[in-house]
Every structure is written in structure tokens, then in C-alpha cells.
Amino acid sequence: MARLIILLPFLLNLLVLLPVDSRLDPAKVPTMSLEVDEQDSILTSLILQADVCHAYQVLKNGGLKDENIIVFMYDDIAYNENNPRPGIIINQPQGKDVYAGVPKDYVGENANVNNFFAVLLGNKSALTGGSGKVIDSGPDDHIFIYYADHGGPGVLGMPTSPDLYANDLNDVLKEKHAAKSYKSMPDSVAFDQVIYIEACDSGSIFEGFLPEKLNIYATTAAMATESSYATYCPWTHPALPPGYSVCLGDLYSVSWLEDSDKNDMAKETLEQQYKKIKKRTSVNGTYNVGSHVMQYGNVRELSSKRLYLYIGYSKPHHKGSAAHAYRQDSLPTINQEPIDQRDASLVFFWQNVGFKFSPLNLLFPFSILKLIVCLCFPYSLFLKFQRAPEGSARRIEARKQLVEVMEHRSHVDDSIRLVGKLLFGDDRGLEILDAVRPAGQPLVDDWSCLKSMVRSFERYCGSLSQYGMKHMRKFANMCNAGVKAETMVKVSAEVCHTFPSNAWSSLRRGFSA
């Protein structure tokens, strides 16, 4: 969940659409010579960028102009060798191309945290590349942000290091509010900034933050302690087009996007759309699969705010009057089960080893061996291994990459587990690392401490990568338990005797914090 930001500085309002997809860590178009984590992360980058491109089309259809849209996107999937339709991106089984016309303001290495914050604050002097567009907003503007990327507790992914941490984002939002760059009347019922975030653990970005006085309304795809979900996967009906063996979208994202396509945004409110998204993302409130869509910030007065103020207005994409469209206040149920976003990359593997994939296979695999292989080997590497001639250099390299992926994931999990045991003892180590603070409290009190823990670990044990983001709560709990920086350095050095020299070396990738 991540490489694209779309910001709209005026019309009758200021819109910020921010989907940032960093599912490819060191962002390059994948080839046989790519680093293995880039191969791993390409598996889900399609989902995020497709949702972001669809969001751009929603805004364009709403009457917004490109000069009012700023896009951050790594832009590495449209012409990727694994895309069955070069130059075309879809995020629905029978969907149209959503890539056409998408602006490329900040792509590749320019899609980074520094530029994102500079754009939000309207600070052109702080930019380090890109189109130069910033949000030049005033007190009567409205801002809309859509952010889609990988996530972990307290952190959102970026295509380049470092990642985006919750405290930094909230500090920038407060700075923008203090600068009066969007409407901030204390008694106003308007929500002058609306933020939609698609990422695992995305509720943790605002949990304990975002006071009502900022006039910001935010929704997230998941609670602070759960993954988000992918949908429109190969087992979905209607079937995906020929050549696709991926999930095409995220359940939270396609829900708000399809609702915006079909219904009258001049009449629908933020509250009404939230309820539709929540119902669909929870699979009709069952939560057997799916996640808890959350609300944060100035939620009390959201019912009076119409969506057209943020995403524009256009006629619904079906026959009938706008009033008729408005009465269609529910979204269709997903025909088959969505899949945990952290397992989305496994879809590729199961679809290409000769038997049908189902989410139930993750719980009831045909054999223990198949389950172990699925958990270790991402499809893009496995497929290259299968396609390469026996004994060829390509097959040897693919086998090497498969082994490195397995070793990296095991290395991250085992190293963090051992750090916990050394810090807190065999009996209490995992209990302390996995503790969850009460609702309403941020992940950690000292965010500088959290970042220092991450850097110390990566200094000796290598980059966490997008896979290791799920462990961020463990680093936070080290700080919450009073672990000192020098202690973490000592323990990390003891756990990781040999500095990683592979694709996950922090010397090559930089620190994620």
C-alpha cells in the first residue's frame, strides 16, 4: 500500500488526493537482476497503484483539473514485464483503464517523505525534484488526501527511505493548521481536510492524535492492530481478464471509489459513504474476513459535509436520475472472500502451481509442504524459477533469490524475537513485545526513541523492508518499557553477529526511520 499522491489546490476547494504506494522498496522495474525484495514487493504494488489511478479518474470525472491535482506515484507497473496489458492498469475485473492521463508530478525517487511534507505545507524551497507543484491553499480551501501503501503500527510505507511515521504526519497537519492555510474557524461545522488511508494497521496513524480542533476528518482501512484486505482476486466472480493472477484492488479503496463512481456526491455525505465502506469492508458486518474501517478527528459534525466539496461532482455512471442514484445507498457484496493484504503476494504462487487458490487454503492447505513453500516464496520469483530452463544461469539466479527471500523473512522474525528475549527474558519477552496499549493512546510516547530502536536494529541486522514493518509495535514497546538506546545497540550487535551484505543491507537501502 504505495506511491501516489494527488493534491488539488483549488476549484471551489483545495483537494489533496494522496495515495503513496511503496510496495517496491528500492523502486526499479523488476528484471532478473533486481534485488529480491523488489521482486517480492512488486506483487502488491499493482493493487495500490491501480487504486490510486482510479482515484485520479474519480477526481477528473468530478470536474477537477490537472493543475489542481498533484500526484505522487512510483509509476513502475504500467509497463512492467509482468503486466499482461502493457500501458494499461485496471482495478476491477471488468474495469476500464485507469492509468490514462494520470499526472506524474513526483515519481520514482522523487516520491519521498521530504517532498510530500513540502507539498502539504506549500514549501517550494524544500522540494528536491518533481514538478514543483505544492498546495498553495488559502483559508477558504478544502483538502482531500488519499494515501495507499504498505503499513505497520505507527508507520506508512514510502517508495524510498525513510518511511512516514505517524508523529511526523500529525505534526505537519498541526503546522498546516497553525499557518491558517485551510479553513480553521473554531465553530465551523466544515471539515476542511479529509484523509482516507489504505494500509495495514492504518488506525495507528491517528490513534491518540488528531484533536477535533484541527477540523480534520480521517478514515482508515483498518484498526490500529489489524491488516487491511485485498479483493478482486483470481477466485472472484466475475473472473479476471486472461493473464491476470493478482488481486486487483484493496477492499476499502475499491469500496469508496466504486461508491463515488455510482452515486451522487452532491447529495452523499462523508458519514453516508463511511457507513457503506464499513459495511462492505467488514463483509456485511460479519468480520469473518475484512477489517474495521475507522474514523478519527472531528467526527461529531461530519454528517453535514457533502462529498462533492472534496472530490468534485459528476453524474453517476449509470442510467437514471441523480435522485435514483442517491437511493442506492449500499454497495454490492464481494462475491467471494477477500484476502489479508499481508498474504496477497501468495496468490501469485498458488495460481501458478497447478491448483486453485482459495483463502481457505491458507488455513487448510493440501499439505504442510505446500503451506511452508507458500509462506516462504513469493510468486514472481517462483514463476521465474519455474520458467527458466533447467541448469540455466537464469534458473540458478532465481533459485538464489528464492532462498534469499526465505532467509530474509526468517532472519527478521527470528532476530526481533531474540532481541526481545535478551531484553526481557525468555518468559516475558514476547508478551512485552506484543502488548497493545488501550484505545485512545498512541503507539508510543517517545517517537524519537522508536526511530532510534529501528535504526539500531537495521544498523546491525539489515533493513526491515516492507515485510518487517509489521514488527513496529515491538520496537515501540521496547521504548514503552524503558529500554535505552545504548542497550538496544548492544543487544542488536549481539543478536546479529554478521552484518547482512545482501539486498536488505541498510548500507544499500538506507534506514527506514
Protein backbone atom coordinates (compact mmCIF):
# COMPACT_ATOMS: atom_id res chain seq x y z
CA MET A 1 0.00 0.00 0.00
CA ALA A 2 2.03 2.93 -2.25
CA ARG A 3 3.31 5.54 -4.32
CA LEU A 4 0.94 8.16 -5.33
CA ILE A 5 -0.26 11.45 -4.07
CA ILE A 6 -2.83 13.63 -5.70
CA LEU A 7 -3.35 17.11 -4.36
CA LEU A 8 -5.81 19.60 -5.67
CA PRO A 9 -5.20 23.22 -4.83
CA PHE A 10 -8.40 24.82 -5.83
CA LEU A 11 -11.59 24.69 -7.87
CA LEU A 12 -14.08 25.80 -5.30
CA ASN A 13 -11.88 24.00 -2.84
CA LEU A 14 -8.45 22.54 -2.30
CA LEU A 15 -8.18 18.83 -2.81
CA VAL A 16 -5.34 16.62 -1.83
CA LEU A 17 -5.50 13.08 -3.05
CA LEU A 18 -2.57 11.16 -1.65
CA PRO A 19 -2.10 7.50 -2.43
CA VAL A 20 1.51 6.60 -1.89
CA ASP A 21 2.41 3.07 -2.86
CA SER A 22 5.77 1.84 -1.73
CA ARG A 23 5.22 -1.81 -2.29
CA LEU A 24 8.52 -1.81 -4.16
CA ASP A 25 11.19 -0.96 -1.66
CA PRO A 26 14.08 0.24 -3.79
CA ALA A 27 11.85 1.03 -6.67
CA LYS A 28 13.03 -0.21 -10.01
CA VAL A 29 11.24 -2.03 -12.79
CA PRO A 30 11.70 -5.71 -11.97
CA THR A 31 14.07 -7.79 -14.07
CA MET A 32 16.10 -10.88 -13.34
CA SER A 33 18.86 -8.71 -11.92
CA LEU A 34 16.60 -6.97 -9.40
CA GLU A 35 17.14 -7.19 -5.71
CA VAL A 36 14.93 -9.85 -4.23
CA ASP A 37 12.81 -7.60 -2.05
CA GLU A 38 11.92 -5.56 -5.12
CA GLN A 39 10.64 -8.78 -6.64
CA ASP A 40 8.66 -9.53 -3.51
CA SER A 41 7.11 -6.10 -3.26
CA ILE A 42 6.05 -5.89 -6.91
CA LEU A 43 3.40 -8.44 -6.04
CA THR A 44 1.23 -5.94 -4.23
CA SER A 45 2.32 -2.67 -5.85
CA LEU A 46 -0.16 -3.32 -8.65
CA ILE A 47 -3.05 -3.20 -6.18
CA LEU A 48 -2.07 0.13 -4.65
CA GLN A 49 -1.15 1.98 -7.80
CA ALA A 50 -4.30 0.75 -9.52
CA ASP A 51 -6.44 2.14 -6.69
CA VAL A 52 -4.57 5.44 -6.84
CA CYS A 53 -5.05 5.73 -10.59
CA HIS A 54 -8.77 5.01 -10.16
CA ALA A 55 -8.92 7.75 -7.54
CA TYR A 56 -7.46 10.19 -10.06
CA GLN A 57 -10.20 9.25 -12.53
CA VAL A 58 -12.86 9.88 -9.86
CA LEU A 59 -11.49 13.38 -9.32
CA LYS A 60 -11.25 14.10 -13.04
CA ASN A 61 -14.80 12.87 -13.52
CA GLY A 62 -15.75 15.20 -10.68
CA GLY A 63 -14.65 18.20 -12.73
CA LEU A 64 -11.22 18.81 -11.21
CA LYS A 65 -8.41 19.97 -13.46
CA ASP A 66 -4.91 18.54 -13.64
CA GLU A 67 -3.42 21.78 -12.41
CA ASN A 68 -5.36 21.14 -9.22
CA ILE A 69 -4.06 17.61 -8.86
CA ILE A 70 -0.63 16.65 -7.56
CA VAL A 71 0.33 13.03 -7.95
CA PHE A 72 2.99 11.04 -6.10
CA MET A 73 3.40 7.62 -7.73
CA TYR A 74 6.37 5.35 -8.25
CA ASP A 75 4.98 4.50 -11.70
CA ASP A 76 6.57 1.12 -12.19
CA ILE A 77 3.70 -1.20 -13.09
CA ALA A 78 2.03 0.05 -16.28
CA TYR A 79 4.89 -1.12 -18.49
CA ASN A 80 6.23 -3.79 -16.18
CA GLU A 81 7.14 -7.07 -17.85
CA ASN A 82 4.59 -8.89 -15.66
CA ASN A 83 1.67 -6.64 -16.71
CA PRO A 84 -0.45 -8.67 -19.17
CA ARG A 85 -1.71 -5.41 -20.75
CA PRO A 86 1.28 -3.10 -21.19
CA GLY A 87 0.36 0.53 -20.60
CA ILE A 88 -3.00 -0.33 -19.06
CA ILE A 89 -3.92 -0.56 -15.37
CA ILE A 90 -7.25 -1.85 -14.05
CA ASN A 91 -8.54 -2.33 -10.50
CA GLN A 92 -11.81 -4.13 -11.28
CA PRO A 93 -12.34 -7.43 -13.13
CA GLN A 94 -14.23 -5.71 -15.95
CA GLY A 95 -12.86 -2.27 -15.32
CA LYS A 96 -11.59 0.32 -17.75
CA ASP A 97 -8.01 1.54 -17.96
CA VAL A 98 -7.41 3.92 -15.05
CA TYR A 99 -3.81 4.81 -15.96
CA ALA A 100 -4.55 7.04 -18.95
CA GLY A 101 -3.90 10.72 -18.28
CA VAL A 102 -2.62 10.32 -14.70
CA PRO A 103 -0.19 13.20 -13.94
CA LYS A 104 3.33 12.29 -12.84
CA ASP A 105 4.32 15.11 -10.56
CA TYR A 106 6.50 13.16 -8.15
CA VAL A 107 7.57 9.75 -9.40
CA GLY A 108 10.46 7.38 -8.73
CA GLU A 109 12.94 8.68 -6.19
CA ASN A 110 11.04 11.99 -6.01
CA ALA A 111 8.11 10.23 -4.32
CA ASN A 112 9.57 10.65 -0.85
CA VAL A 113 8.63 11.92 2.61
CA ASN A 114 10.52 15.20 2.25
CA ASN A 115 8.65 16.17 -0.91
CA PHE A 116 5.33 15.01 0.49
CA PHE A 117 5.64 17.26 3.52
CA ALA A 118 6.91 20.15 1.38
CA VAL A 119 3.89 19.80 -0.90
CA LEU A 120 1.47 19.67 2.02
CA LEU A 121 2.97 22.78 3.58
CA GLY A 122 3.27 24.67 0.29
CA ASN A 123 7.04 24.95 0.75
CA LYS A 124 8.60 25.01 -2.73
CA SER A 125 12.07 25.72 -1.38
CA ALA A 126 12.09 22.36 0.43
CA LEU A 127 11.39 20.30 -2.71
CA THR A 128 14.10 18.03 -4.07
CA GLY A 129 12.77 17.30 -7.54
CA GLY A 130 9.46 16.72 -9.24
CA SER A 131 7.07 19.08 -10.97
CA GLY A 132 7.33 21.80 -8.34
CA LYS A 133 3.60 21.77 -7.61
CA VAL A 134 2.65 22.41 -3.99
CA ILE A 135 -0.58 23.11 -2.15
CA ASP A 136 -0.90 26.85 -2.39
CA SER A 137 -4.02 26.90 -0.28
CA GLY A 138 -5.94 29.62 1.50
CA PRO A 139 -8.49 29.86 4.32
CA ASP A 140 -11.45 29.01 2.06
CA ASP A 141 -9.92 25.88 0.54
CA HIS A 142 -10.68 22.26 1.37
CA ILE A 143 -8.11 19.48 1.25
CA PHE A 144 -8.63 15.81 0.44
CA ILE A 145 -5.90 13.20 0.90
CA TYR A 146 -5.99 9.58 -0.21
CA TYR A 147 -2.95 7.57 0.81
CA ALA A 148 -2.42 3.94 -0.18
CA ASP A 149 0.66 1.97 0.79
CA HIS A 150 2.13 -0.75 2.93
CA GLY A 151 1.71 -0.07 6.60
CA GLY A 152 2.64 -1.17 10.07
CA PRO A 153 1.89 0.06 13.58
CA GLY A 154 2.61 3.81 13.54
CA VAL A 155 4.15 3.85 10.08
CA LEU A 156 3.18 4.18 6.41
CA GLY A 157 5.41 2.99 3.61
CA MET A 158 7.17 5.16 1.06
CA PRO A 159 8.95 4.11 -2.16
CA THR A 160 12.20 5.47 -0.74
CA SER A 161 13.73 5.62 2.74
CA PRO A 162 12.71 6.79 5.24
CA ASP A 163 9.11 5.73 5.75
CA LEU A 164 6.36 8.05 7.01
CA TYR A 165 5.82 7.94 10.78
CA ALA A 166 2.57 8.88 12.50
CA ASN A 167 4.01 11.60 14.72
CA ASP A 168 5.65 13.38 11.79
CA LEU A 169 2.47 13.36 9.72
CA ASN A 170 0.39 14.66 12.61
CA ASP A 171 2.98 17.35 13.35
CA VAL A 172 2.77 18.55 9.73
CA LEU A 173 -1.04 18.60 9.91
CA LYS A 174 -0.83 20.73 13.05
CA GLU A 175 1.71 23.04 11.42
CA LYS A 176 -0.55 23.49 8.42
CA HIS A 177 -3.49 24.27 10.69
CA ALA A 178 -1.43 26.79 12.68
CA ALA A 179 -0.47 28.52 9.43
CA LYS A 180 -4.18 29.03 8.67
CA SER A 181 -3.64 27.52 5.24
CA TYR A 182 -7.05 25.94 5.29
CA LYS A 183 -10.30 26.95 6.94
CA SER A 184 -9.95 26.76 10.72
CA MET A 185 -12.82 28.69 12.23
CA PRO A 186 -13.32 27.26 15.74
CA ASP A 187 -17.09 26.99 15.45
CA SER A 188 -17.17 25.81 11.84
CA VAL A 189 -19.02 22.60 11.02
CA ALA A 190 -16.89 22.18 7.88
CA PHE A 191 -14.22 19.55 7.66
CA ASP A 192 -11.51 21.41 5.92
CA GLN A 193 -9.26 18.42 5.50
CA VAL A 194 -10.41 14.90 4.74
CA ILE A 195 -7.97 11.99 4.79
CA TYR A 196 -8.57 8.44 3.56
CA ILE A 197 -5.77 5.94 4.33
CA GLU A 198 -5.42 2.46 2.88
CA ALA A 199 -2.77 0.45 4.76
CA CYS A 200 -2.38 -2.34 7.27
CA ASP A 201 -2.62 -1.08 10.88
CA SER A 202 -3.62 2.32 9.47
CA GLY A 203 -5.71 3.24 12.51
CA SER A 204 -2.45 3.57 14.44
CA ILE A 205 -1.59 6.65 12.36
CA PHE A 206 -4.28 8.66 14.17
CA GLU A 207 -4.88 6.70 17.38
CA GLY A 208 -4.14 9.13 20.21
CA PHE A 209 -3.63 12.00 17.76
CA LEU A 210 -5.88 14.31 15.73
CA PRO A 211 -7.87 16.52 18.12
CA GLU A 212 -11.22 17.87 16.92
CA LYS A 213 -10.00 21.47 16.85
CA LEU A 214 -7.89 20.77 13.75
CA ASN A 215 -11.09 20.37 11.68
CA ILE A 216 -9.74 17.21 10.10
CA TYR A 217 -11.82 14.14 9.41
CA ALA A 218 -9.99 10.88 8.70
CA THR A 219 -10.98 7.32 7.91
CA THR A 220 -8.65 4.34 7.78
CA ALA A 221 -8.97 0.92 6.20
CA ALA A 222 -8.16 -0.90 9.42
CA MET A 223 -7.88 -0.59 13.16
CA ALA A 224 -4.52 0.06 14.77
CA THR A 225 -3.96 -3.67 15.24
CA GLU A 226 -5.04 -5.40 12.03
CA SER A 227 -4.26 -5.85 8.36
CA SER A 228 -6.29 -4.41 5.53
CA TYR A 229 -7.66 -6.67 2.79
CA ALA A 230 -7.16 -7.18 -0.91
CA THR A 231 -10.04 -8.06 -3.23
CA TYR A 232 -10.91 -8.83 -6.86
CA CYS A 233 -8.56 -11.77 -6.69
CA PRO A 234 -8.35 -14.65 -9.19
CA TRP A 235 -11.11 -16.66 -7.46
CA THR A 236 -13.56 -13.72 -7.67
CA HIS A 237 -16.64 -13.82 -9.90
CA PRO A 238 -16.69 -12.34 -12.48
CA ALA A 239 -13.35 -13.79 -13.43
CA LEU A 240 -10.30 -11.62 -14.02
CA PRO A 241 -9.22 -10.97 -17.62
CA PRO A 242 -6.82 -13.50 -19.18
CA GLY A 243 -3.27 -13.20 -17.92
CA TYR A 244 -4.07 -11.74 -14.50
CA SER A 245 -3.09 -13.81 -11.47
CA VAL A 246 -3.16 -10.97 -8.94
CA CYS A 247 -5.65 -9.24 -6.71
CA LEU A 248 -6.67 -6.02 -8.48
CA GLY A 249 -7.69 -3.79 -5.61
CA ASP A 250 -7.94 -3.17 -1.89
CA LEU A 251 -11.35 -3.77 -0.32
CA TYR A 252 -11.51 -0.41 1.49
CA SER A 253 -10.30 1.51 -1.55
CA VAL A 254 -12.50 -0.07 -4.19
CA SER A 255 -15.46 0.47 -1.87
CA TRP A 256 -15.11 4.26 -1.66
CA LEU A 257 -14.06 4.51 -5.31
CA GLU A 258 -16.99 2.49 -6.65
CA ASP A 259 -19.41 4.35 -4.41
CA SER A 260 -18.06 7.64 -5.77
CA ASP A 261 -18.46 6.36 -9.33
CA LYS A 262 -22.04 5.24 -8.88
CA ASN A 263 -23.69 7.74 -6.57
CA ASP A 264 -24.46 11.42 -6.34
CA MET A 265 -21.62 13.12 -4.48
CA ALA A 266 -23.62 16.35 -4.31
CA LYS A 267 -26.07 14.59 -2.01
CA GLU A 268 -23.97 11.98 -0.24
CA THR A 269 -22.16 12.92 2.96
CA LEU A 270 -18.92 11.71 4.47
CA GLU A 271 -20.92 9.80 7.08
CA GLN A 272 -23.03 8.02 4.48
CA GLN A 273 -20.01 6.94 2.48
CA TYR A 274 -18.22 5.82 5.64
CA LYS A 275 -21.12 3.54 6.56
CA LYS A 276 -21.15 1.97 3.10
CA ILE A 277 -17.40 1.41 3.15
CA LYS A 278 -17.56 -0.02 6.67
CA LYS A 279 -20.33 -2.45 5.77
CA ARG A 280 -18.62 -3.74 2.64
CA THR A 281 -15.12 -3.89 4.14
CA SER A 282 -16.43 -5.92 7.07
CA VAL A 283 -18.33 -8.21 4.67
CA ASN A 284 -21.73 -7.05 5.92
CA GLY A 285 -20.58 -6.63 9.49
CA THR A 286 -19.52 -10.24 9.95
CA TYR A 287 -15.79 -9.53 10.24
CA ASN A 288 -15.16 -13.18 9.38
CA VAL A 289 -12.78 -11.61 6.93
CA GLY A 290 -12.19 -7.94 6.26
CA SER A 291 -11.14 -5.13 8.56
CA HIS A 292 -12.66 -2.47 10.81
CA VAL A 293 -12.92 0.85 8.97
CA MET A 294 -12.27 3.59 11.50
CA GLN A 295 -13.00 7.33 11.94
CA TYR A 296 -10.79 9.90 13.65
CA GLY A 297 -10.65 13.63 14.25
CA ASN A 298 -13.67 15.91 14.08
CA VAL A 299 -16.21 13.15 13.61
CA ARG A 300 -19.12 14.72 15.53
CA GLU A 301 -20.15 17.10 12.78
CA LEU A 302 -19.30 15.09 9.69
CA SER A 303 -22.91 14.37 8.72
CA SER A 304 -23.39 17.87 7.27
CA LYS A 305 -20.45 17.72 4.87
CA ARG A 306 -21.10 16.69 1.27
CA LEU A 307 -18.51 14.69 -0.64
CA TYR A 308 -18.59 16.92 -3.72
CA LEU A 309 -16.74 19.59 -1.73
CA TYR A 310 -13.71 17.30 -1.66
CA ILE A 311 -13.83 15.04 -4.71
CA GLY A 312 -15.93 17.10 -7.09
CA TYR A 313 -19.30 16.37 -8.61
CA SER A 314 -20.28 14.38 -11.67
CA LYS A 315 -23.32 12.45 -12.77
CA PRO A 316 -23.41 8.83 -11.62
CA HIS A 317 -22.12 6.22 -14.07
CA HIS A 318 -25.45 4.52 -14.73
CA LYS A 319 -28.84 5.30 -16.15
CA GLY A 320 -31.40 7.10 -14.08
CA SER A 321 -31.67 10.35 -12.24
CA ALA A 322 -29.29 11.62 -9.60
CA ALA A 323 -32.05 11.12 -7.05
CA HIS A 324 -32.38 7.49 -8.10
CA ALA A 325 -28.63 7.05 -7.82
CA TYR A 326 -28.66 8.52 -4.35
CA ARG A 327 -31.23 6.00 -3.14
CA GLN A 328 -28.79 3.19 -3.99
CA ASP A 329 -27.17 3.61 -0.61
CA SER A 330 -25.42 0.27 -0.43
CA LEU A 331 -22.57 -1.34 -2.31
CA PRO A 332 -22.73 -4.86 -3.73
CA THR A 333 -21.28 -7.59 -1.56
CA ILE A 334 -17.97 -9.00 -2.71
CA ASN A 335 -18.91 -12.35 -4.26
CA GLN A 336 -16.06 -14.28 -2.74
CA GLU A 337 -13.77 -13.79 0.19
CA PRO A 338 -11.13 -11.05 0.19
CA ILE A 339 -7.68 -11.90 1.45
CA ASP A 340 -5.48 -10.45 4.16
CA GLN A 341 -3.24 -7.90 2.47
CA ARG A 342 -0.15 -9.40 4.07
CA ASP A 343 -0.94 -12.67 2.28
CA ALA A 344 -1.79 -11.10 -1.08
CA SER A 345 1.56 -11.99 -2.61
CA LEU A 346 0.81 -15.68 -2.00
CA VAL A 347 -1.95 -15.50 -4.59
CA PHE A 348 0.62 -15.46 -7.37
CA PHE A 349 2.21 -18.64 -6.17
CA TRP A 350 -0.97 -20.65 -5.65
CA GLN A 351 -2.39 -19.60 -9.00
CA ASN A 352 0.63 -20.87 -10.85
CA VAL A 353 1.47 -24.21 -9.29
CA GLY A 354 -1.39 -26.16 -10.80
CA PHE A 355 -4.23 -25.97 -8.30
CA LYS A 356 -6.91 -23.44 -7.47
CA PHE A 357 -6.24 -20.89 -4.76
CA SER A 358 -8.77 -20.08 -2.07
CA PRO A 359 -8.27 -18.07 1.13
CA LEU A 360 -9.18 -21.28 2.94
CA ASN A 361 -6.00 -22.83 1.54
CA LEU A 362 -4.10 -20.63 3.95
CA LEU A 363 -5.84 -22.42 6.83
CA PHE A 364 -6.30 -25.85 5.28
CA PRO A 365 -3.52 -26.40 2.73
CA PHE A 366 -3.31 -29.57 0.72
CA SER A 367 -0.12 -30.42 2.50
CA ILE A 368 2.18 -28.95 5.12
CA LEU A 369 4.89 -28.75 2.48
CA LYS A 370 2.77 -26.55 0.22
CA LEU A 371 1.93 -24.25 3.11
CA ILE A 372 5.59 -23.86 4.03
CA VAL A 373 6.55 -23.13 0.43
CA CYS A 374 3.74 -20.59 0.05
CA LEU A 375 4.75 -18.72 3.15
CA CYS A 376 8.36 -18.51 2.06
CA PHE A 377 8.43 -17.93 -1.67
CA PRO A 378 6.72 -15.01 -3.44
CA TYR A 379 5.21 -15.86 -6.79
CA SER A 380 7.26 -13.57 -9.00
CA LEU A 381 10.46 -15.36 -8.00
CA PHE A 382 8.89 -18.81 -8.08
CA LEU A 383 7.48 -18.21 -11.55
CA LYS A 384 10.87 -17.18 -12.87
CA PHE A 385 12.31 -20.31 -11.33
CA GLN A 386 9.65 -22.45 -13.00
CA ARG A 387 10.02 -20.80 -16.40
CA ALA A 388 13.81 -20.86 -16.53
CA PRO A 389 15.39 -23.84 -18.34
CA GLU A 390 16.92 -26.45 -16.05
CA GLY A 391 20.59 -25.74 -15.43
CA SER A 392 20.47 -22.25 -16.92
CA ALA A 393 22.06 -19.23 -15.28
CA ARG A 394 18.59 -17.73 -15.01
CA ARG A 395 17.29 -20.72 -13.06
CA ILE A 396 20.31 -20.67 -10.77
CA GLU A 397 19.80 -16.95 -10.08
CA ALA A 398 16.08 -17.43 -9.49
CA ARG A 399 16.80 -20.25 -7.02
CA LYS A 400 19.24 -17.96 -5.21
CA GLN A 401 16.64 -15.20 -4.98
CA LEU A 402 14.05 -17.59 -3.60
CA VAL A 403 16.41 -18.71 -0.88
CA GLU A 404 17.33 -15.11 -0.01
CA VAL A 405 13.67 -14.11 0.34
CA MET A 406 13.05 -17.01 2.69
CA GLU A 407 16.19 -16.26 4.68
CA HIS A 408 15.39 -12.55 4.95
CA ARG A 409 11.90 -13.07 6.32
CA SER A 410 13.07 -15.69 8.76
CA HIS A 411 16.02 -13.51 9.74
CA VAL A 412 13.81 -10.50 10.57
CA ASP A 413 11.31 -12.54 12.59
CA ASP A 414 13.93 -14.52 14.49
CA SER A 415 16.20 -11.55 15.17
CA ILE A 416 13.43 -9.40 16.66
CA ARG A 417 12.21 -12.33 18.74
CA LEU A 418 15.72 -12.91 20.10
CA VAL A 419 16.16 -9.19 20.84
CA GLY A 420 13.02 -9.36 22.95
CA LYS A 421 14.25 -12.37 24.88
CA LEU A 422 17.61 -10.76 25.60
CA LEU A 423 15.95 -7.55 26.76
CA PHE A 424 13.13 -9.02 28.85
CA GLY A 425 13.91 -12.69 29.40
CA ASP A 426 12.66 -15.91 27.82
CA ASP A 427 9.42 -15.92 29.80
CA ARG A 428 8.24 -12.34 29.25
CA GLY A 429 9.99 -11.27 26.05
CA LEU A 430 7.22 -12.00 23.54
CA GLU A 431 4.50 -10.88 25.96
CA ILE A 432 6.06 -7.43 26.33
CA LEU A 433 6.84 -7.05 22.62
CA ASP A 434 3.29 -7.91 21.55
CA ALA A 435 1.45 -5.80 24.15
CA VAL A 436 -1.22 -3.44 22.78
CA ARG A 437 -1.92 -0.14 24.54
CA PRO A 438 -5.52 0.85 25.37
CA ALA A 439 -7.57 2.56 22.67
CA GLY A 440 -7.00 6.30 22.55
CA GLN A 441 -3.30 6.09 23.31
CA PRO A 442 -0.67 6.50 20.60
CA LEU A 443 1.61 3.60 19.80
CA VAL A 444 4.49 5.10 21.75
CA ASP A 445 5.15 8.22 23.83
CA ASP A 446 8.71 8.83 22.62
CA TRP A 447 8.79 8.61 18.83
CA SER A 448 12.46 9.57 18.72
CA CYS A 449 13.14 6.51 20.84
CA LEU A 450 11.12 4.33 18.46
CA LYS A 451 13.10 5.54 15.46
CA SER A 452 16.38 5.02 17.27
CA MET A 453 15.37 1.43 18.07
CA VAL A 454 14.62 0.80 14.40
CA ARG A 455 17.90 2.34 13.27
CA SER A 456 19.89 0.35 15.82
CA PHE A 457 18.29 -2.88 14.66
CA GLU A 458 18.82 -2.06 10.98
CA ARG A 459 22.40 -0.99 11.63
CA TYR A 460 23.33 -4.49 12.72
CA CYS A 461 20.60 -6.73 11.33
CA GLY A 462 19.79 -5.11 7.99
CA SER A 463 16.71 -3.37 6.61
CA LEU A 464 13.29 -4.33 7.91
CA SER A 465 11.87 -3.86 4.38
CA GLN A 466 8.14 -3.66 3.80
CA TYR A 467 7.80 -7.15 5.28
CA GLY A 468 9.30 -6.11 8.61
CA MET A 469 7.02 -3.10 9.07
CA LYS A 470 4.57 -5.40 10.83
CA HIS A 471 7.01 -5.57 13.78
CA MET A 472 6.95 -1.83 14.52
CA ARG A 473 4.82 -2.30 17.64
CA LYS A 474 7.60 -4.44 19.12
CA PHE A 475 10.11 -1.59 18.75
CA ALA A 476 7.57 0.81 20.28
CA ASN A 477 7.09 -1.48 23.25
CA MET A 478 10.83 -1.53 23.86
CA CYS A 479 10.62 2.24 24.34
CA ASN A 480 7.45 1.97 26.42
CA ALA A 481 9.32 -0.47 28.69
CA GLY A 482 12.18 1.99 29.17
CA VAL A 483 14.88 0.33 27.05
CA LYS A 484 17.77 2.74 26.48
CA ALA A 485 19.31 3.44 23.09
CA GLU A 486 22.72 2.13 24.12
CA THR A 487 21.13 -1.10 25.37
CA MET A 488 19.40 -1.65 22.02
CA VAL A 489 22.67 -1.10 20.19
CA LYS A 490 24.43 -3.67 22.37
CA VAL A 491 21.66 -6.26 22.05
CA SER A 492 21.29 -5.82 18.27
CA ALA A 493 25.03 -6.30 17.83
CA GLU A 494 24.87 -9.45 19.94
CA VAL A 495 21.93 -10.90 18.02
CA CYS A 496 23.27 -10.18 14.51
CA HIS A 497 26.89 -11.29 14.51
CA THR A 498 27.35 -10.85 10.76
CA PHE A 499 26.30 -7.68 9.00
CA PRO A 500 23.93 -8.50 6.10
CA SER A 501 25.54 -7.99 2.71
CA ASN A 502 22.53 -8.98 0.61
CA ALA A 503 19.71 -6.86 -0.81
CA TRP A 504 18.50 -5.95 2.67
CA SER A 505 21.70 -4.35 3.89
CA SER A 506 20.90 -0.96 5.41
CA LEU A 507 24.03 0.38 3.74
CA ARG A 508 22.39 -0.19 0.39
CA ARG A 509 18.83 0.69 1.33
CA GLY A 510 19.19 3.35 3.99
CA PHE A 511 17.36 3.39 7.30
CA SER A 512 13.57 3.19 7.33
CA ALA A 513 13.43 5.65 10.25
